[in-house]
Amino acid sequence: MDMDKIIARINELARKNKTVGLTTAEQAERAELRTKYLAVFKSNFKQQLDSIKYVEDEDPDSKPLH
């Protein structure tokens, strides 16, 4: 399930919870979707952090600019 579908379903369940409430099955689905969302979010964030490249000065004797 992709991120947009997960978010859409979580939002749908949130709206339903505010109006009429959720069944036990829907509450379990909501918890599962939240867990999936967090796992995908953490994975994407870790991937972004891993792709960061540090650029160092070419001349080690130069003074820092800050």
Protein backbone atom coordinates (compact mmCIF):
# COMPACT_ATOMS: atom_id res chain seq x y z
CA MET A 1 0.00 0.00 0.00
CA ASP A 2 1.51 3.35 -0.92
CA MET A 3 1.77 6.34 1.39
CA ASP A 4 -1.08 8.35 -0.17
CA LYS A 5 -3.55 5.48 0.26
CA ILE A 6 -2.45 4.92 3.85
CA ILE A 7 -2.88 8.60 4.71
CA ALA A 8 -6.26 8.77 2.96
CA ARG A 9 -7.57 5.76 4.89
CA ILE A 10 -6.22 7.06 8.22
CA ASN A 11 -7.95 10.40 7.58
CA GLU A 12 -11.17 8.64 6.59
CA LEU A 13 -11.14 6.64 9.83
CA ALA A 14 -10.37 9.81 11.83
CA ARG A 15 -13.39 11.60 10.34
CA LYS A 16 -15.62 8.61 11.03
CA ASN A 17 -14.33 8.38 14.60
CA LYS A 18 -15.29 12.01 15.22
CA THR A 19 -18.82 11.55 13.86
CA VAL A 20 -20.15 8.08 14.65
CA GLY A 21 -17.25 6.22 16.24
CA LEU A 22 -15.29 3.18 15.10
CA THR A 23 -15.93 -0.51 15.45
CA THR A 24 -13.32 -2.73 17.08
CA ALA A 25 -12.18 -3.94 13.65
CA GLU A 26 -11.80 -0.36 12.42
CA GLN A 27 -9.81 0.57 15.51
CA ALA A 28 -7.48 -2.35 14.84
CA GLU A 29 -7.17 -1.30 11.18
CA ARG A 30 -6.38 2.27 12.26
CA ALA A 31 -3.63 1.05 14.60
CA GLU A 32 -2.16 -1.15 11.86
CA LEU A 33 -2.24 1.71 9.34
CA ARG A 34 -0.54 4.06 11.79
CA THR A 35 2.20 1.49 12.36
CA LYS A 36 2.70 1.07 8.60
CA TYR A 37 2.74 4.85 8.12
CA LEU A 38 5.41 5.32 10.77
CA ALA A 39 7.53 2.49 9.34
CA VAL A 40 7.41 3.98 5.84
CA PHE A 41 8.08 7.49 7.19
CA LYS A 42 11.10 6.32 9.19
CA SER A 43 12.43 4.37 6.22
CA ASN A 44 12.09 7.35 3.87
CA PHE A 45 13.68 9.69 6.41
CA LYS A 46 16.61 7.32 6.98
CA GLN A 47 17.07 7.07 3.23
CA GLN A 48 17.22 10.86 2.98
CA LEU A 49 19.77 11.07 5.77
CA ASP A 50 21.89 8.33 4.20
CA SER A 51 21.97 10.19 0.89
CA ILE A 52 23.47 13.35 2.43
CA LYS A 53 27.03 13.90 1.29
CA TYR A 54 29.44 15.98 3.32
CA VAL A 55 31.62 18.42 1.46
CA GLU A 56 34.93 19.25 3.07
CA ASP A 57 37.32 22.03 2.20
CA GLU A 58 39.85 21.07 -0.43
CA ASP A 59 42.58 23.02 1.37
CA PRO A 60 42.95 21.74 4.95
CA ASP A 61 45.03 24.82 5.93
CA SER A 62 42.30 27.32 5.13
CA LYS A 63 40.48 29.05 7.96
CA PRO A 64 36.82 28.22 8.57
CA LEU A 65 34.44 30.87 7.28
CA HIS A 66 32.35 30.79 10.42
